[in-house]
PDB file of N, CA and C in Angstrom:
ATOM      1  N   MET A   1      61.641 228.929  49.384  1.00  0.00           N
ATOM      2  CA  MET A   1      60.621 229.955  49.384  1.00  0.00           C
ATOM      3  C   MET A   1      59.858 229.845  50.704  1.00  0.00           C
ATOM      4  N   CYS A   2      59.639 230.954  51.334  1.00  0.00           N
ATOM      5  CA  CYS A   2      58.918 230.930  52.609  1.00  0.00           C
ATOM      6  C   CYS A   2      57.420 230.715  52.353  1.00  0.00           C
ATOM      7  N   GLU A   3      56.734 230.242  53.378  1.00  0.00           N
ATOM      8  CA  GLU A   3      55.312 229.911  53.245  1.00  0.00           C
ATOM      9  C   GLU A   3      54.466 231.119  52.852  1.00  0.00           C
ATOM     10  N   GLU A   4      54.803 232.292  53.339  1.00  0.00           N
ATOM     11  CA  GLU A   4      54.067 233.505  52.965  1.00  0.00           C
ATOM     12  C   GLU A   4      54.165 233.756  51.460  1.00  0.00           C
ATOM     13  N   ASP A   5      55.352 233.538  50.895  1.00  0.00           N
ATOM     14  CA  ASP A   5      55.532 233.698  49.450  1.00  0.00           C
ATOM     15  C   ASP A   5      54.756 232.637  48.678  1.00  0.00           C
ATOM     16  N   VAL A   6      54.752 231.410  49.188  1.00  0.00           N
ATOM     17  CA  VAL A   6      53.993 230.337  48.534  1.00  0.00           C
ATOM     18  C   VAL A   6      52.514 230.706  48.483  1.00  0.00           C
ATOM     19  N   ARG A   7      51.985 231.217  49.568  1.00  0.00           N
ATOM     20  CA  ARG A   7      50.576 231.634  49.595  1.00  0.00           C
ATOM     21  C   ARG A   7      50.303 232.728  48.560  1.00  0.00           C
ATOM     22  N   ALA A   8      51.211 233.679  48.454  1.00  0.00           N
ATOM     23  CA  ALA A   8      51.042 234.765  47.476  1.00  0.00           C
ATOM     24  C   ALA A   8      51.042 234.212  46.056  1.00  0.00           C
ATOM     25  N   VAL A   9      51.935 233.290  45.777  1.00  0.00           N
ATOM     26  CA  VAL A   9      51.993 232.677  44.448  1.00  0.00           C
ATOM     27  C   VAL A   9      50.729 231.870  44.184  1.00  0.00           C
ATOM     28  N   MET A  10      50.282 231.111  45.164  1.00  0.00           N
ATOM     29  CA  MET A  10      49.082 230.290  44.992  1.00  0.00           C
ATOM     30  C   MET A  10      47.861 231.158  44.684  1.00  0.00           C
ATOM     31  N   ARG A  11      47.794 232.336  45.264  1.00  0.00           N
ATOM     32  CA  ARG A  11      46.656 233.239  45.033  1.00  0.00           C
ATOM     33  C   ARG A  11      46.675 233.878  43.643  1.00  0.00           C
ATOM     34  N   HIS A  12      47.840 233.967  43.030  1.00  0.00           N
ATOM     35  CA  HIS A  12      47.950 234.646  41.738  1.00  0.00           C
ATOM     36  C   HIS A  12      47.161 233.882  40.674  1.00  0.00           C
ATOM     37  N   SER A  13      46.413 234.608  39.865  1.00  0.00           N
ATOM     38  CA  SER A  13      45.521 233.973  38.890  1.00  0.00           C
ATOM     39  C   SER A  13      46.237 233.142  37.830  1.00  0.00           C
ATOM     40  N   SER A  14      47.490 233.447  37.547  1.00  0.00           N
ATOM     41  CA  SER A  14      48.186 232.686  36.503  1.00  0.00           C
ATOM     42  C   SER A  14      49.110 231.601  37.049  1.00  0.00           C
ATOM     43  N   SER A  15      49.115 231.393  38.363  1.00  0.00           N
ATOM     44  CA  SER A  15      49.967 230.328  38.904  1.00  0.00           C
ATOM     45  C   SER A  15      49.333 228.971  38.643  1.00  0.00           C
ATOM     46  N   MET A  16      50.186 227.977  38.423  1.00  0.00           N
ATOM     47  CA  MET A  16      49.734 226.621  38.144  1.00  0.00           C
ATOM     48  C   MET A  16      50.347 225.676  39.163  1.00  0.00           C
ATOM     49  N   VAL A  17      49.706 224.540  39.348  1.00  0.00           N
ATOM     50  CA  VAL A  17      50.201 223.525  40.272  1.00  0.00           C
ATOM     51  C   VAL A  17      50.784 222.390  39.453  1.00  0.00           C
ATOM     52  N   GLY A  18      51.983 221.967  39.828  1.00  0.00           N
ATOM     53  CA  GLY A  18      52.621 220.853  39.144  1.00  0.00           C
ATOM     54  C   GLY A  18      53.570 220.136  40.073  1.00  0.00           C
ATOM     55  N   SER A  19      54.211 219.124  39.550  1.00  0.00           N
ATOM     56  CA  SER A  19      55.176 218.348  40.319  1.00  0.00           C
ATOM     57  C   SER A  19      56.425 218.155  39.479  1.00  0.00           C
ATOM     58  N   ASP A  20      57.571 218.180  40.127  1.00  0.00           N
ATOM     59  CA  ASP A  20      58.818 217.965  39.395  1.00  0.00           C
ATOM     60  C   ASP A  20      59.311 216.529  39.531  1.00  0.00           C
ATOM     61  N   SER A  21      58.425 215.631  39.872  1.00  0.00           N
ATOM     62  CA  SER A  21      58.793 214.230  40.031  1.00  0.00           C
ATOM     63  C   SER A  21      58.972 213.566  38.670  1.00  0.00           C
ATOM     64  N   SER A  22      59.823 212.581  38.626  1.00  0.00           N
ATOM     65  CA  SER A  22      60.008 211.828  37.388  1.00  0.00           C
ATOM     66  C   SER A  22      58.923 210.763  37.264  1.00  0.00           C
ATOM     67  N   ALA A  23      58.783 210.221  36.071  1.00  0.00           N
ATOM     68  CA  ALA A  23      57.785 209.180  35.827  1.00  0.00           C
ATOM     69  C   ALA A  23      58.177 207.894  36.549  1.00  0.00           C
ATOM     70  N   ARG A  24      57.192 207.185  37.052  1.00  0.00           N
ATOM     71  CA  ARG A  24      57.426 205.923  37.745  1.00  0.00           C
ATOM     72  C   ARG A  24      56.542 204.856  37.118  1.00  0.00           C
ATOM     73  N   ALA A  25      56.992 203.633  37.193  1.00  0.00           N
ATOM     74  CA  ALA A  25      56.222 202.499  36.689  1.00  0.00           C
ATOM     75  C   ALA A  25      56.267 201.380  37.723  1.00  0.00           C
ATOM     76  N   PRO A  26      55.314 200.459  37.679  1.00  0.00           N
ATOM     77  CA  PRO A  26      55.325 199.368  38.658  1.00  0.00           C
ATOM     78  C   PRO A  26      56.440 198.350  38.412  1.00  0.00           C
ATOM     79  N   TYR A  27      57.052 198.376  37.234  1.00  0.00           N
ATOM     80  CA  TYR A  27      58.115 197.420  36.908  1.00  0.00           C
ATOM     81  C   TYR A  27      59.015 198.020  35.832  1.00  0.00           C
ATOM     82  N   GLY A  28      60.122 197.380  35.541  1.00  0.00           N
ATOM     83  CA  GLY A  28      61.040 197.844  34.507  1.00  0.00           C
ATOM     84  C   GLY A  28      61.930 198.979  34.975  1.00  0.00           C
ATOM     85  N   VAL A  29      62.615 199.608  34.030  1.00  0.00           N
ATOM     86  CA  VAL A  29      63.575 200.663  34.331  1.00  0.00           C
ATOM     87  C   VAL A  29      62.930 201.815  35.099  1.00  0.00           C
ATOM     88  N   LEU A  30      61.724 202.198  34.735  1.00  0.00           N
ATOM     89  CA  LEU A  30      61.060 203.311  35.413  1.00  0.00           C
ATOM     90  C   LEU A  30      60.476 202.916  36.769  1.00  0.00           C
ATOM     91  N   GLY A  31      60.602 201.652  37.124  1.00  0.00           N
ATOM     92  CA  GLY A  31      60.116 201.199  38.421  1.00  0.00           C
ATOM     93  C   GLY A  31      61.217 201.037  39.447  1.00  0.00           C
ATOM     94  N   GLU A  32      62.461 201.248  39.042  1.00  0.00           N
ATOM     95  CA  GLU A  32      63.596 201.081  39.950  1.00  0.00           C
ATOM     96  C   GLU A  32      63.764 202.309  40.841  1.00  0.00           C
ATOM     97  N   GLY A  33      64.285 202.088  42.033  1.00  0.00           N
ATOM     98  CA  GLY A  33      64.547 203.185  42.950  1.00  0.00           C
ATOM     99  C   GLY A  33      63.301 203.623  43.694  1.00  0.00           C
ATOM    100  N   LYS A  34      63.481 204.636  44.508  1.00  0.00           N
ATOM    101  CA  LYS A  34      62.370 205.155  45.302  1.00  0.00           C
ATOM    102  C   LYS A  34      61.976 206.532  44.785  1.00  0.00           C
ATOM    103  N   SER A  35      60.693 206.796  44.815  1.00  0.00           N
ATOM    104  CA  SER A  35      60.225 208.100  44.354  1.00  0.00           C
ATOM    105  C   SER A  35      60.198 209.086  45.514  1.00  0.00           C
ATOM    106  N   HIS A  36      60.187 210.346  45.170  1.00  0.00           N
ATOM    107  CA  HIS A  36      60.105 211.417  46.162  1.00  0.00           C
ATOM    108  C   HIS A  36      58.642 211.599  46.557  1.00  0.00           C
ATOM    109  N   PRO A  37      58.360 212.037  47.781  1.00  0.00           N
ATOM    110  CA  PRO A  37      56.965 212.261  48.193  1.00  0.00           C
ATOM    111  C   PRO A  37      56.180 213.189  47.267  1.00  0.00           C
ATOM    112  N   ARG A  38      56.857 214.128  46.594  1.00  0.00           N
ATOM    113  CA  ARG A  38      56.150 215.015  45.662  1.00  0.00           C
ATOM    114  C   ARG A  38      55.536 214.254  44.499  1.00  0.00           C
ATOM    115  N   ALA A  39      56.047 213.043  44.236  1.00  0.00           N
ATOM    116  CA  ALA A  39      55.495 212.262  43.134  1.00  0.00           C
ATOM    117  C   ALA A  39      54.002 212.025  43.321  1.00  0.00           C
ATOM    118  N   TYR A  40      53.583 211.881  44.551  1.00  0.00           N
ATOM    119  CA  TYR A  40      52.179 211.598  44.829  1.00  0.00           C
ATOM    120  C   TYR A  40      51.530 212.622  45.746  1.00  0.00           C
ATOM    121  N   GLY A  41      52.299 213.511  46.338  1.00  0.00           N
ATOM    122  CA  GLY A  41      51.758 214.388  47.362  1.00  0.00           C
ATOM    123  C   GLY A  41      51.522 215.833  46.988  1.00  0.00           C
ATOM    124  N   ALA A  42      52.017 216.291  45.848  1.00  0.00           N
ATOM    125  CA  ALA A  42      51.901 217.711  45.505  1.00  0.00           C
ATOM    126  C   ALA A  42      50.442 218.154  45.375  1.00  0.00           C
ATOM    127  N   PHE A  43      49.658 217.388  44.650  1.00  0.00           N
ATOM    128  CA  PHE A  43      48.273 217.780  44.406  1.00  0.00           C
ATOM    129  C   PHE A  43      47.397 217.623  45.647  1.00  0.00           C
ATOM    130  N   PRO A  44      47.489 216.504  46.374  1.00  0.00           N
ATOM    131  CA  PRO A  44      46.721 216.416  47.628  1.00  0.00           C
ATOM    132  C   PRO A  44      47.111 217.499  48.634  1.00  0.00           C
ATOM    133  N   ARG A  45      48.375 217.909  48.637  1.00  0.00           N
ATOM    134  CA  ARG A  45      48.797 218.969  49.563  1.00  0.00           C
ATOM    135  C   ARG A  45      48.078 220.278  49.251  1.00  0.00           C
ATOM    136  N   VAL A  46      47.996 220.624  47.984  1.00  0.00           N
ATOM    137  CA  VAL A  46      47.298 221.856  47.605  1.00  0.00           C
ATOM    138  C   VAL A  46      45.833 221.782  48.033  1.00  0.00           C
ATOM    139  N   LEU A  47      45.195 220.658  47.748  1.00  0.00           N
ATOM    140  CA  LEU A  47      43.781 220.523  48.101  1.00  0.00           C
ATOM    141  C   LEU A  47      43.571 220.535  49.607  1.00  0.00           C
ATOM    142  N   GLY A  48      44.432 219.852  50.335  1.00  0.00           N
ATOM    143  CA  GLY A  48      44.282 219.797  51.786  1.00  0.00           C
ATOM    144  C   GLY A  48      44.676 221.082  52.483  1.00  0.00           C
ATOM    145  N   LYS A  49      45.868 221.584  52.159  1.00  0.00           N
ATOM    146  CA  LYS A  49      46.405 222.743  52.878  1.00  0.00           C
ATOM    147  C   LYS A  49      45.798 224.067  52.423  1.00  0.00           C
ATOM    148  N   TYR A  50      45.834 224.321  51.121  1.00  0.00           N
ATOM    149  CA  TYR A  50      45.455 225.644  50.627  1.00  0.00           C
ATOM    150  C   TYR A  50      43.962 225.793  50.323  1.00  0.00           C
ATOM    151  N   VAL A  51      43.275 224.674  50.110  1.00  0.00           N
ATOM    152  CA  VAL A  51      41.824 224.738  49.890  1.00  0.00           C
ATOM    153  C   VAL A  51      41.081 224.474  51.197  1.00  0.00           C
ATOM    154  N   ARG A  52      41.286 223.301  51.770  1.00  0.00           N
ATOM    155  CA  ARG A  52      40.495 222.917  52.939  1.00  0.00           C
ATOM    156  C   ARG A  52      40.918 223.620  54.221  1.00  0.00           C
ATOM    157  N   GLU A  53      42.227 223.615  54.522  1.00  0.00           N
ATOM    158  CA  GLU A  53      42.682 224.159  55.804  1.00  0.00           C
ATOM    159  C   GLU A  53      42.783 225.682  55.812  1.00  0.00           C
ATOM    160  N   GLU A  54      43.522 226.239  54.867  1.00  0.00           N
ATOM    161  CA  GLU A  54      43.780 227.685  54.887  1.00  0.00           C
ATOM    162  C   GLU A  54      42.762 228.505  54.103  1.00  0.00           C
ATOM    163  N   ARG A  55      42.020 227.854  53.233  1.00  0.00           N
ATOM    164  CA  ARG A  55      40.971 228.506  52.449  1.00  0.00           C
ATOM    165  C   ARG A  55      41.466 229.718  51.656  1.00  0.00           C
ATOM    166  N   ILE A  56      42.668 229.598  51.109  1.00  0.00           N
ATOM    167  CA  ILE A  56      43.157 230.692  50.261  1.00  0.00           C
ATOM    168  C   ILE A  56      42.797 230.457  48.799  1.00  0.00           C
ATOM    169  N   LEU A  57      42.373 229.239  48.470  1.00  0.00           N
ATOM    170  CA  LEU A  57      41.885 228.913  47.131  1.00  0.00           C
ATOM    171  C   LEU A  57      40.533 228.236  47.259  1.00  0.00           C
ATOM    172  N   THR A  58      39.669 228.469  46.286  1.00  0.00           N
ATOM    173  CA  THR A  58      38.449 227.672  46.220  1.00  0.00           C
ATOM    174  C   THR A  58      38.813 226.337  45.577  1.00  0.00           C
ATOM    175  N   LEU A  59      37.972 225.346  45.762  1.00  0.00           N
ATOM    176  CA  LEU A  59      38.212 224.057  45.118  1.00  0.00           C
ATOM    177  C   LEU A  59      38.254 224.229  43.602  1.00  0.00           C
ATOM    178  N   GLN A  60      37.369 225.050  43.068  1.00  0.00           N
ATOM    179  CA  GLN A  60      37.326 225.283  41.625  1.00  0.00           C
ATOM    180  C   GLN A  60      38.625 225.906  41.125  1.00  0.00           C
ATOM    181  N   ASP A  61      39.152 226.891  41.837  1.00  0.00           N
ATOM    182  CA  ASP A  61      40.407 227.526  41.425  1.00  0.00           C
ATOM    183  C   ASP A  61      41.570 226.544  41.492  1.00  0.00           C
ATOM    184  N   ALA A  62      41.615 225.734  42.532  1.00  0.00           N
ATOM    185  CA  ALA A  62      42.701 224.761  42.672  1.00  0.00           C
ATOM    186  C   ALA A  62      42.664 223.741  41.539  1.00  0.00           C
ATOM    187  N   ILE A  63      41.489 223.216  41.233  1.00  0.00           N
ATOM    188  CA  ILE A  63      41.362 222.237  40.147  1.00  0.00           C
ATOM    189  C   ILE A  63      41.755 222.874  38.819  1.00  0.00           C
ATOM    190  N   ARG A  64      41.364 224.111  38.590  1.00  0.00           N
ATOM    191  CA  ARG A  64      41.753 224.821  37.361  1.00  0.00           C
ATOM    192  C   ARG A  64      43.267 224.949  37.264  1.00  0.00           C
ATOM    193  N   LYS A  65      43.932 225.273  38.377  1.00  0.00           N
ATOM    194  CA  LYS A  65      45.388 225.426  38.397  1.00  0.00           C
ATOM    195  C   LYS A  65      46.100 224.096  38.139  1.00  0.00           C
ATOM    196  N   MET A  66      45.400 222.974  38.347  1.00  0.00           N
ATOM    197  CA  MET A  66      45.980 221.646  38.153  1.00  0.00           C
ATOM    198  C   MET A  66      45.646 221.042  36.791  1.00  0.00           C
ATOM    199  N   THR A  67      44.638 221.568  36.122  1.00  0.00           N
ATOM    200  CA  THR A  67      44.138 220.903  34.915  1.00  0.00           C
ATOM    201  C   THR A  67      44.083 221.817  33.693  1.00  0.00           C
ATOM    202  N   SER A  68      43.034 222.615  33.589  1.00  0.00           N
ATOM    203  CA  SER A  68      42.821 223.379  32.354  1.00  0.00           C
ATOM    204  C   SER A  68      43.840 224.483  32.129  1.00  0.00           C
ATOM    205  N   LEU A  69      44.292 225.142  33.185  1.00  0.00           N
ATOM    206  CA  LEU A  69      45.268 226.223  33.002  1.00  0.00           C
ATOM    207  C   LEU A  69      46.606 225.696  32.470  1.00  0.00           C
ATOM    208  N   PRO A  70      47.196 224.648  33.059  1.00  0.00           N
ATOM    209  CA  PRO A  70      48.434 224.116  32.477  1.00  0.00           C
ATOM    210  C   PRO A  70      48.237 223.609  31.043  1.00  0.00           C
ATOM    211  N   ALA A  71      47.112 222.933  30.789  1.00  0.00           N
ATOM    212  CA  ALA A  71      46.856 222.442  29.433  1.00  0.00           C
ATOM    213  C   ALA A  71      46.773 223.601  28.444  1.00  0.00           C
ATOM    214  N   GLN A  72      46.118 224.676  28.843  1.00  0.00           N
ATOM    215  CA  GLN A  72      45.995 225.854  27.982  1.00  0.00           C
ATOM    216  C   GLN A  72      47.365 226.488  27.741  1.00  0.00           C
ATOM    217  N   LYS A  73      48.134 226.692  28.796  1.00  0.00           N
ATOM    218  CA  LYS A  73      49.442 227.345  28.666  1.00  0.00           C
ATOM    219  C   LYS A  73      50.416 226.510  27.841  1.00  0.00           C
ATOM    220  N   LEU A  74      50.319 225.187  27.951  1.00  0.00           N
ATOM    221  CA  LEU A  74      51.208 224.296  27.204  1.00  0.00           C
ATOM    222  C   LEU A  74      50.650 223.933  25.831  1.00  0.00           C
ATOM    223  N   ARG A  75      49.489 224.509  25.514  1.00  0.00           N
ATOM    224  CA  ARG A  75      48.820 224.291  24.225  1.00  0.00           C
ATOM    225  C   ARG A  75      48.562 222.812  23.950  1.00  0.00           C
ATOM    226  N   LEU A  76      48.063 222.133  24.971  1.00  0.00           N
ATOM    227  CA  LEU A  76      47.696 220.729  24.839  1.00  0.00           C
ATOM    228  C   LEU A  76      46.230 220.662  24.424  1.00  0.00           C
ATOM    229  N   LYS A  77      45.993 220.303  23.201  1.00  0.00           N
ATOM    230  CA  LYS A  77      44.623 220.258  22.695  1.00  0.00           C
ATOM    231  C   LYS A  77      43.881 219.074  23.299  1.00  0.00           C
ATOM    232  N   ASP A  78      42.614 219.268  23.531  1.00  0.00           N
ATOM    233  CA  ASP A  78      41.735 218.226  24.073  1.00  0.00           C
ATOM    234  C   ASP A  78      42.204 217.707  25.423  1.00  0.00           C
ATOM    235  N   ARG A  79      42.767 218.574  26.240  1.00  0.00           N
ATOM    236  CA  ARG A  79      43.229 218.180  27.575  1.00  0.00           C
ATOM    237  C   ARG A  79      42.834 219.255  28.580  1.00  0.00           C
ATOM    238  N   GLY A  80      42.624 218.834  29.820  1.00  0.00           N
ATOM    239  CA  GLY A  80      42.411 219.775  30.904  1.00  0.00           C
ATOM    240  C   GLY A  80      40.976 220.110  31.232  1.00  0.00           C
ATOM    241  N   LEU A  81      40.048 219.727  30.380  1.00  0.00           N
ATOM    242  CA  LEU A  81      38.632 220.009  30.617  1.00  0.00           C
ATOM    243  C   LEU A  81      37.812 218.746  30.405  1.00  0.00           C
ATOM    244  N   ILE A  82      36.748 218.621  31.170  1.00  0.00           N
ATOM    245  CA  ILE A  82      35.796 217.539  30.948  1.00  0.00           C
ATOM    246  C   ILE A  82      34.661 218.135  30.142  1.00  0.00           C
ATOM    247  N   GLY A  83      34.352 217.526  29.022  1.00  0.00           N
ATOM    248  CA  GLY A  83      33.291 218.056  28.176  1.00  0.00           C
ATOM    249  C   GLY A  83      32.679 216.969  27.325  1.00  0.00           C
ATOM    250  N   ARG A  84      31.713 217.356  26.562  1.00  0.00           N
ATOM    251  CA  ARG A  84      31.059 216.406  25.661  1.00  0.00           C
ATOM    252  C   ARG A  84      31.854 216.296  24.372  1.00  0.00           C
ATOM    253  N   ALA A  85      31.928 215.090  23.873  1.00  0.00           N
ATOM    254  CA  ALA A  85      32.680 214.839  22.634  1.00  0.00           C
ATOM    255  C   ALA A  85      31.880 215.218  21.417  1.00  0.00           C
TER     256      ALA A  85
END
């Protein structure tokens, strides 16, 4: 996907931010091998590139696309929002 298309998708109100990296652990079977940079870089990239540098998203919109929106779409109860118990 070209960068212009990525920007258009990022601006869309229903787009979400995620990573296709597999789970990693410090030891055991899930700790073997090397992880892809997306394992740790997808979310900082959005905050750095699309929020801070290019200003196509507000910080609030980016955080929503990473937290409450995916939780809502996946119907994960009690996830994605910080609130009082």
